[in-house]
């Protein structure tokens, strides 16, 4: 099971159905492509796993630096199609992300997860993550 970076427009578009299962307010592949291209300007990348030629799992990520974490890999999005879960695709992505982060000099891998996603939380804990903070927001 190989992980690769989606780079071409066609590869990014192939990730859209998977991402739309997580970001349910995203219903347009053209807008998705434009958003990914815009975010790429600040370091965002899409890693994906295909099964039988079809993308089944996607991780959007970026490398960053701050005072709290120093150099880190942050996972913006991580999702596997519901029908393809529990087959190792998410684990393959997380393992690849950890290896990629290490190769880029990152000390940590971070992600946020919605409080309602309890199954995802169990998965992250099985993969060695620990809940280290609460994320707060305020709409502007």
N, C-alpha and C. Protein backbone atom coordinates (compact mmCIF):
# COMPACT_ATOMS: atom_id res chain seq x y z
N UNK A 1 0.86 -1.17 0.00
CA UNK A 1 0.00 0.00 0.00
C UNK A 1 0.90 1.23 0.00
N UNK A 2 0.91 1.93 -1.11
CA UNK A 2 1.79 3.08 -1.24
C UNK A 2 1.09 4.39 -0.96
N UNK A 3 1.82 5.30 -0.35
CA UNK A 3 1.35 6.66 -0.12
C UNK A 3 2.10 7.55 -1.09
N UNK A 4 1.39 8.48 -1.69
CA UNK A 4 2.04 9.42 -2.59
C UNK A 4 1.43 10.80 -2.41
N UNK A 5 2.15 11.82 -2.86
CA UNK A 5 1.65 13.18 -2.83
C UNK A 5 0.84 13.42 -4.11
N UNK A 6 -0.35 13.95 -3.96
CA UNK A 6 -1.17 14.34 -5.11
C UNK A 6 -0.63 15.68 -5.61
N UNK A 7 -0.14 15.70 -6.84
CA UNK A 7 0.48 16.91 -7.37
C UNK A 7 -0.24 17.49 -8.58
N UNK A 8 -0.69 16.65 -9.48
CA UNK A 8 -1.35 17.17 -10.68
C UNK A 8 -2.80 17.50 -10.36
N UNK A 9 -3.42 18.27 -11.24
CA UNK A 9 -4.83 18.59 -11.05
C UNK A 9 -5.66 17.31 -10.99
N UNK A 10 -5.37 16.34 -11.86
CA UNK A 10 -6.13 15.09 -11.87
C UNK A 10 -5.95 14.32 -10.57
N UNK A 11 -4.73 14.29 -10.04
CA UNK A 11 -4.48 13.59 -8.78
C UNK A 11 -5.21 14.26 -7.62
N UNK A 12 -5.21 15.59 -7.61
CA UNK A 12 -5.91 16.33 -6.54
C UNK A 12 -7.41 16.11 -6.66
N UNK A 13 -7.93 16.18 -7.87
CA UNK A 13 -9.38 15.93 -8.07
C UNK A 13 -9.76 14.51 -7.62
N UNK A 14 -8.88 13.54 -7.82
CA UNK A 14 -9.17 12.17 -7.40
C UNK A 14 -9.30 12.05 -5.88
N UNK A 15 -8.74 13.00 -5.15
CA UNK A 15 -8.84 13.01 -3.69
C UNK A 15 -10.15 13.62 -3.21
N UNK A 16 -10.83 14.36 -4.08
CA UNK A 16 -12.02 15.09 -3.66
C UNK A 16 -13.13 14.22 -3.05
N UNK A 17 -13.53 13.09 -3.67
CA UNK A 17 -14.61 12.30 -3.06
C UNK A 17 -14.28 11.85 -1.64
N UNK A 18 -13.01 11.55 -1.38
CA UNK A 18 -12.61 11.13 -0.04
C UNK A 18 -12.71 12.31 0.92
N UNK A 19 -12.14 13.44 0.52
CA UNK A 19 -12.16 14.63 1.38
C UNK A 19 -13.59 15.10 1.64
N UNK A 20 -14.45 14.97 0.64
CA UNK A 20 -15.85 15.40 0.80
C UNK A 20 -16.58 14.58 1.86
N UNK A 21 -16.08 13.36 2.14
CA UNK A 21 -16.72 12.57 3.20
C UNK A 21 -16.37 13.10 4.59
N UNK A 22 -15.30 13.90 4.69
CA UNK A 22 -14.94 14.55 5.95
C UNK A 22 -15.44 15.98 5.98
N UNK A 23 -15.18 16.70 4.94
CA UNK A 23 -15.57 18.11 4.82
C UNK A 23 -16.87 18.15 4.03
N UNK A 24 -17.97 17.82 4.70
CA UNK A 24 -19.25 17.63 4.02
C UNK A 24 -19.81 18.92 3.44
N UNK A 25 -19.27 20.07 3.83
CA UNK A 25 -19.73 21.33 3.25
C UNK A 25 -19.04 21.62 1.91
N UNK A 26 -18.15 20.77 1.49
CA UNK A 26 -17.43 20.92 0.21
C UNK A 26 -18.11 20.01 -0.81
N UNK A 27 -18.75 20.62 -1.79
CA UNK A 27 -19.49 19.80 -2.75
C UNK A 27 -19.07 20.03 -4.18
N UNK A 28 -17.99 20.77 -4.39
CA UNK A 28 -17.59 21.10 -5.74
C UNK A 28 -16.11 20.79 -5.94
N UNK A 29 -15.82 19.89 -6.87
CA UNK A 29 -14.44 19.47 -7.12
C UNK A 29 -13.58 20.62 -7.65
N UNK A 30 -14.16 21.52 -8.44
CA UNK A 30 -13.39 22.65 -8.96
C UNK A 30 -12.98 23.58 -7.82
N UNK A 31 -13.90 23.86 -6.91
CA UNK A 31 -13.58 24.72 -5.76
C UNK A 31 -12.55 24.04 -4.86
N UNK A 32 -12.64 22.73 -4.73
CA UNK A 32 -11.67 21.97 -3.95
C UNK A 32 -10.28 22.11 -4.54
N UNK A 33 -10.17 21.91 -5.84
CA UNK A 33 -8.88 22.04 -6.51
C UNK A 33 -8.32 23.45 -6.31
N UNK A 34 -9.15 24.46 -6.48
CA UNK A 34 -8.69 25.84 -6.31
C UNK A 34 -8.23 26.09 -4.88
N UNK A 35 -8.94 25.55 -3.91
CA UNK A 35 -8.57 25.73 -2.50
C UNK A 35 -7.24 25.03 -2.21
N UNK A 36 -7.06 23.82 -2.70
CA UNK A 36 -5.80 23.11 -2.48
C UNK A 36 -4.65 23.89 -3.11
N UNK A 37 -4.83 24.37 -4.34
CA UNK A 37 -3.78 25.13 -5.02
C UNK A 37 -3.43 26.41 -4.24
N UNK A 38 -4.44 27.07 -3.70
CA UNK A 38 -4.20 28.27 -2.88
C UNK A 38 -3.41 27.91 -1.61
N UNK A 39 -3.84 26.85 -0.93
CA UNK A 39 -3.18 26.44 0.30
C UNK A 39 -1.75 25.94 0.06
N UNK A 40 -1.50 25.39 -1.13
CA UNK A 40 -0.15 24.93 -1.45
C UNK A 40 0.85 26.08 -1.36
N UNK A 41 0.39 27.30 -1.59
CA UNK A 41 1.28 28.46 -1.53
C UNK A 41 1.83 28.68 -0.12
N UNK A 42 1.17 28.11 0.87
CA UNK A 42 1.66 28.22 2.25
C UNK A 42 2.09 26.86 2.80
N UNK A 43 2.39 25.90 1.90
CA UNK A 43 2.98 24.65 2.31
C UNK A 43 2.07 23.45 2.42
N UNK A 44 0.78 23.61 2.19
CA UNK A 44 -0.17 22.50 2.28
C UNK A 44 0.11 21.47 1.18
N UNK A 45 -0.01 20.19 1.55
CA UNK A 45 0.15 19.10 0.60
C UNK A 45 -0.91 18.03 0.87
N UNK A 46 -1.25 17.26 -0.15
CA UNK A 46 -2.19 16.15 -0.02
C UNK A 46 -1.44 14.85 -0.23
N UNK A 47 -1.47 13.99 0.77
CA UNK A 47 -0.94 12.64 0.62
C UNK A 47 -2.14 11.72 0.46
N UNK A 48 -2.00 10.69 -0.35
CA UNK A 48 -3.15 9.81 -0.59
C UNK A 48 -2.72 8.37 -0.74
N UNK A 49 -3.70 7.49 -0.50
CA UNK A 49 -3.54 6.05 -0.67
C UNK A 49 -4.62 5.60 -1.65
N UNK A 50 -4.20 4.82 -2.64
CA UNK A 50 -5.16 4.27 -3.61
C UNK A 50 -5.25 2.76 -3.42
N UNK A 51 -6.42 2.23 -3.69
CA UNK A 51 -6.67 0.80 -3.66
C UNK A 51 -7.39 0.46 -4.95
N UNK A 52 -6.81 -0.44 -5.73
CA UNK A 52 -7.37 -0.83 -7.04
C UNK A 52 -7.57 0.41 -7.92
N UNK A 53 -6.61 1.34 -7.87
CA UNK A 53 -6.64 2.51 -8.72
C UNK A 53 -7.54 3.64 -8.25
N UNK A 54 -8.19 3.49 -7.12
CA UNK A 54 -9.12 4.50 -6.60
C UNK A 54 -8.59 5.04 -5.28
N UNK A 55 -8.54 6.37 -5.13
CA UNK A 55 -8.10 6.96 -3.87
C UNK A 55 -9.12 6.62 -2.79
N UNK A 56 -8.61 6.08 -1.67
CA UNK A 56 -9.50 5.67 -0.57
C UNK A 56 -9.17 6.38 0.74
N UNK A 57 -8.00 7.02 0.82
CA UNK A 57 -7.62 7.72 2.04
C UNK A 57 -6.77 8.93 1.68
N UNK A 58 -6.95 10.01 2.42
CA UNK A 58 -6.28 11.27 2.12
C UNK A 58 -5.85 11.94 3.41
N UNK A 59 -4.69 12.58 3.37
CA UNK A 59 -4.23 13.42 4.48
C UNK A 59 -3.71 14.73 3.92
N UNK A 60 -4.29 15.83 4.36
CA UNK A 60 -3.78 17.15 4.04
C UNK A 60 -2.87 17.58 5.18
N UNK A 61 -1.68 18.08 4.86
CA UNK A 61 -0.73 18.40 5.92
C UNK A 61 0.17 19.55 5.51
N UNK A 62 0.90 20.07 6.48
CA UNK A 62 1.88 21.12 6.25
C UNK A 62 2.97 21.03 7.30
N UNK A 63 4.13 21.53 6.97
CA UNK A 63 5.23 21.65 7.91
C UNK A 63 5.17 23.07 8.48
N UNK A 64 5.35 23.19 9.79
CA UNK A 64 5.33 24.51 10.40
C UNK A 64 6.35 24.63 11.52
N UNK A 65 6.47 25.82 12.01
CA UNK A 65 7.34 26.08 13.16
C UNK A 65 6.64 27.09 14.05
N UNK A 66 6.73 26.85 15.36
CA UNK A 66 6.26 27.84 16.32
C UNK A 66 7.05 27.67 17.62
N UNK A 67 6.85 28.56 18.55
CA UNK A 67 7.59 28.50 19.80
C UNK A 67 7.21 27.29 20.64
N UNK A 68 5.95 26.92 20.61
CA UNK A 68 5.47 25.83 21.46
C UNK A 68 5.99 24.47 21.01
N UNK A 69 6.01 24.22 19.71
CA UNK A 69 6.33 22.89 19.20
C UNK A 69 7.63 22.84 18.41
N UNK A 70 8.25 23.98 18.16
CA UNK A 70 9.41 24.09 17.29
C UNK A 70 9.00 23.64 15.88
N UNK A 71 9.76 22.82 15.22
CA UNK A 71 9.40 22.36 13.86
C UNK A 71 8.49 21.14 13.98
N UNK A 72 7.37 21.16 13.27
CA UNK A 72 6.36 20.10 13.40
C UNK A 72 5.66 19.86 12.08
N UNK A 73 5.04 18.70 11.98
CA UNK A 73 4.15 18.38 10.87
C UNK A 73 2.73 18.44 11.42
N UNK A 74 1.90 19.25 10.80
CA UNK A 74 0.50 19.38 11.24
C UNK A 74 -0.42 18.76 10.19
N UNK A 75 -1.30 17.89 10.65
CA UNK A 75 -2.28 17.24 9.78
C UNK A 75 -3.57 18.04 9.84
N UNK A 76 -3.89 18.69 8.74
CA UNK A 76 -5.13 19.47 8.64
C UNK A 76 -6.33 18.55 8.46
N UNK A 77 -6.15 17.52 7.65
CA UNK A 77 -7.25 16.64 7.26
C UNK A 77 -6.73 15.21 7.20
N UNK A 78 -7.50 14.29 7.72
CA UNK A 78 -7.15 12.87 7.61
C UNK A 78 -8.46 12.09 7.53
N UNK A 79 -8.64 11.38 6.43
CA UNK A 79 -9.91 10.68 6.25
C UNK A 79 -9.73 9.48 5.34
N UNK A 80 -10.45 8.42 5.65
CA UNK A 80 -10.56 7.23 4.82
C UNK A 80 -12.03 7.07 4.45
N UNK A 81 -12.31 6.69 3.23
CA UNK A 81 -13.70 6.45 2.85
C UNK A 81 -14.34 5.45 3.81
N UNK A 82 -15.59 5.67 4.22
CA UNK A 82 -16.22 4.76 5.18
C UNK A 82 -16.13 3.29 4.79
N UNK A 83 -16.31 2.95 3.53
CA UNK A 83 -16.27 1.56 3.11
C UNK A 83 -14.87 0.96 3.05
N UNK A 84 -13.85 1.79 3.25
CA UNK A 84 -12.46 1.31 3.17
C UNK A 84 -11.75 1.37 4.52
N UNK A 85 -12.50 1.66 5.57
CA UNK A 85 -11.88 1.78 6.90
C UNK A 85 -11.53 0.41 7.46
N UNK A 86 -10.61 0.41 8.43
CA UNK A 86 -10.14 -0.79 9.13
C UNK A 86 -9.38 -1.73 8.19
N UNK A 87 -8.75 -1.17 7.19
CA UNK A 87 -7.93 -1.98 6.27
C UNK A 87 -6.48 -1.50 6.25
N UNK A 88 -6.12 -0.60 7.17
CA UNK A 88 -4.73 -0.16 7.28
C UNK A 88 -4.38 1.09 6.50
N UNK A 89 -5.34 1.69 5.80
CA UNK A 89 -5.04 2.87 5.00
C UNK A 89 -4.68 4.08 5.87
N UNK A 90 -5.46 4.31 6.93
CA UNK A 90 -5.17 5.43 7.84
C UNK A 90 -3.84 5.25 8.53
N UNK A 91 -3.55 4.04 8.97
CA UNK A 91 -2.26 3.75 9.61
C UNK A 91 -1.12 3.99 8.63
N UNK A 92 -1.30 3.56 7.39
CA UNK A 92 -0.26 3.78 6.38
C UNK A 92 0.00 5.27 6.19
N UNK A 93 -1.07 6.05 6.16
CA UNK A 93 -0.90 7.50 6.03
C UNK A 93 -0.16 8.08 7.24
N UNK A 94 -0.58 7.70 8.45
CA UNK A 94 0.08 8.23 9.64
C UNK A 94 1.55 7.82 9.71
N UNK A 95 1.85 6.59 9.35
CA UNK A 95 3.24 6.14 9.34
C UNK A 95 4.05 6.94 8.31
N UNK A 96 3.48 7.14 7.14
CA UNK A 96 4.16 7.92 6.11
C UNK A 96 4.37 9.36 6.57
N UNK A 97 3.33 9.95 7.17
CA UNK A 97 3.45 11.33 7.67
C UNK A 97 4.54 11.45 8.73
N UNK A 98 4.61 10.48 9.63
CA UNK A 98 5.66 10.50 10.66
C UNK A 98 7.04 10.40 10.02
N UNK A 99 7.21 9.50 9.06
CA UNK A 99 8.49 9.37 8.37
C UNK A 99 8.84 10.65 7.61
N UNK A 100 7.85 11.21 6.94
CA UNK A 100 8.07 12.44 6.18
C UNK A 100 8.45 13.58 7.13
N UNK A 101 7.74 13.68 8.24
CA UNK A 101 8.06 14.72 9.22
C UNK A 101 9.48 14.60 9.73
N UNK A 102 9.87 13.38 10.07
CA UNK A 102 11.25 13.15 10.53
C UNK A 102 12.26 13.58 9.48
N UNK A 103 11.99 13.23 8.24
CA UNK A 103 12.92 13.57 7.15
C UNK A 103 13.01 15.08 6.93
N UNK A 104 12.00 15.81 7.39
CA UNK A 104 11.99 17.26 7.25
C UNK A 104 12.45 17.96 8.53
N UNK A 105 12.94 17.19 9.49
CA UNK A 105 13.46 17.76 10.73
C UNK A 105 12.41 18.11 11.77
N UNK A 106 11.22 17.53 11.62
CA UNK A 106 10.15 17.79 12.58
C UNK A 106 10.35 16.96 13.84
N UNK A 107 9.97 17.53 14.97
CA UNK A 107 10.08 16.83 16.24
C UNK A 107 8.75 16.19 16.65
N UNK A 108 7.65 16.69 16.10
CA UNK A 108 6.33 16.21 16.50
C UNK A 108 5.38 16.20 15.31
N UNK A 109 4.34 15.39 15.44
CA UNK A 109 3.23 15.34 14.50
C UNK A 109 1.99 15.74 15.29
N UNK A 110 1.23 16.72 14.79
CA UNK A 110 0.05 17.23 15.48
C UNK A 110 -1.18 17.14 14.60
N UNK A 111 -2.33 17.01 15.22
CA UNK A 111 -3.61 17.11 14.52
C UNK A 111 -4.68 17.49 15.52
N UNK A 112 -5.74 18.06 15.03
CA UNK A 112 -6.95 18.33 15.81
C UNK A 112 -8.03 17.38 15.31
N UNK A 113 -8.96 17.06 16.18
CA UNK A 113 -10.07 16.19 15.79
C UNK A 113 -11.33 16.68 16.48
N UNK A 114 -12.41 16.74 15.73
CA UNK A 114 -13.69 17.18 16.29
C UNK A 114 -14.09 16.33 17.49
N UNK A 115 -14.66 16.96 18.49
CA UNK A 115 -15.01 16.26 19.72
C UNK A 115 -16.00 15.12 19.49
N UNK A 116 -16.78 15.17 18.41
CA UNK A 116 -17.77 14.14 18.12
C UNK A 116 -17.16 12.90 17.47
N UNK A 117 -15.91 12.96 17.07
CA UNK A 117 -15.29 11.86 16.29
C UNK A 117 -14.62 10.84 17.20
N UNK A 118 -15.39 10.22 18.08
CA UNK A 118 -14.83 9.32 19.09
C UNK A 118 -14.14 8.10 18.47
N UNK A 119 -14.65 7.58 17.36
CA UNK A 119 -13.97 6.44 16.72
C UNK A 119 -12.58 6.86 16.22
N UNK A 120 -12.50 8.06 15.66
CA UNK A 120 -11.20 8.57 15.20
C UNK A 120 -10.26 8.74 16.38
N UNK A 121 -10.78 9.20 17.51
CA UNK A 121 -9.94 9.39 18.70
C UNK A 121 -9.35 8.06 19.16
N UNK A 122 -10.15 7.01 19.15
CA UNK A 122 -9.62 5.69 19.53
C UNK A 122 -8.51 5.26 18.57
N UNK A 123 -8.71 5.51 17.30
CA UNK A 123 -7.69 5.19 16.30
C UNK A 123 -6.40 5.96 16.59
N UNK A 124 -6.51 7.24 16.83
CA UNK A 124 -5.31 8.06 17.10
C UNK A 124 -4.59 7.57 18.35
N UNK A 125 -5.34 7.23 19.37
CA UNK A 125 -4.71 6.72 20.60
C UNK A 125 -4.00 5.40 20.34
N UNK A 126 -4.61 4.51 19.54
CA UNK A 126 -3.95 3.25 19.18
C UNK A 126 -2.65 3.50 18.42
N UNK A 127 -2.61 4.60 17.69
CA UNK A 127 -1.43 4.93 16.88
C UNK A 127 -0.41 5.78 17.64
N UNK A 128 -0.60 5.90 18.96
CA UNK A 128 0.40 6.56 19.79
C UNK A 128 0.19 8.03 20.06
N UNK A 129 -0.93 8.58 19.65
CA UNK A 129 -1.22 9.99 19.94
C UNK A 129 -1.79 10.12 21.34
N UNK A 130 -1.58 11.27 21.94
CA UNK A 130 -2.23 11.58 23.21
C UNK A 130 -2.89 12.94 23.09
N UNK A 131 -4.01 13.10 23.76
CA UNK A 131 -4.70 14.40 23.78
C UNK A 131 -3.87 15.33 24.65
N UNK A 132 -3.40 16.43 24.06
CA UNK A 132 -2.49 17.31 24.78
C UNK A 132 -3.05 18.70 25.04
N UNK A 133 -4.20 19.02 24.44
CA UNK A 133 -4.77 20.35 24.66
C UNK A 133 -6.20 20.37 24.17
N UNK A 134 -6.88 21.45 24.46
CA UNK A 134 -8.18 21.72 23.88
C UNK A 134 -7.99 22.83 22.86
N UNK A 135 -8.69 22.75 21.77
CA UNK A 135 -8.62 23.77 20.73
C UNK A 135 -9.87 24.63 20.86
N UNK A 136 -9.70 25.93 20.98
CA UNK A 136 -10.83 26.85 21.09
C UNK A 136 -10.89 27.71 19.84
N UNK A 137 -12.11 28.16 19.52
CA UNK A 137 -12.28 29.05 18.38
C UNK A 137 -13.35 30.08 18.70
N UNK A 138 -13.31 31.15 17.95
CA UNK A 138 -14.35 32.17 18.02
C UNK A 138 -14.58 32.66 16.61
N UNK A 139 -15.81 32.62 16.16
CA UNK A 139 -16.12 33.12 14.83
C UNK A 139 -15.96 34.63 14.79
N UNK A 140 -15.47 35.11 13.68
CA UNK A 140 -15.29 36.57 13.49
C UNK A 140 -16.23 37.10 12.44
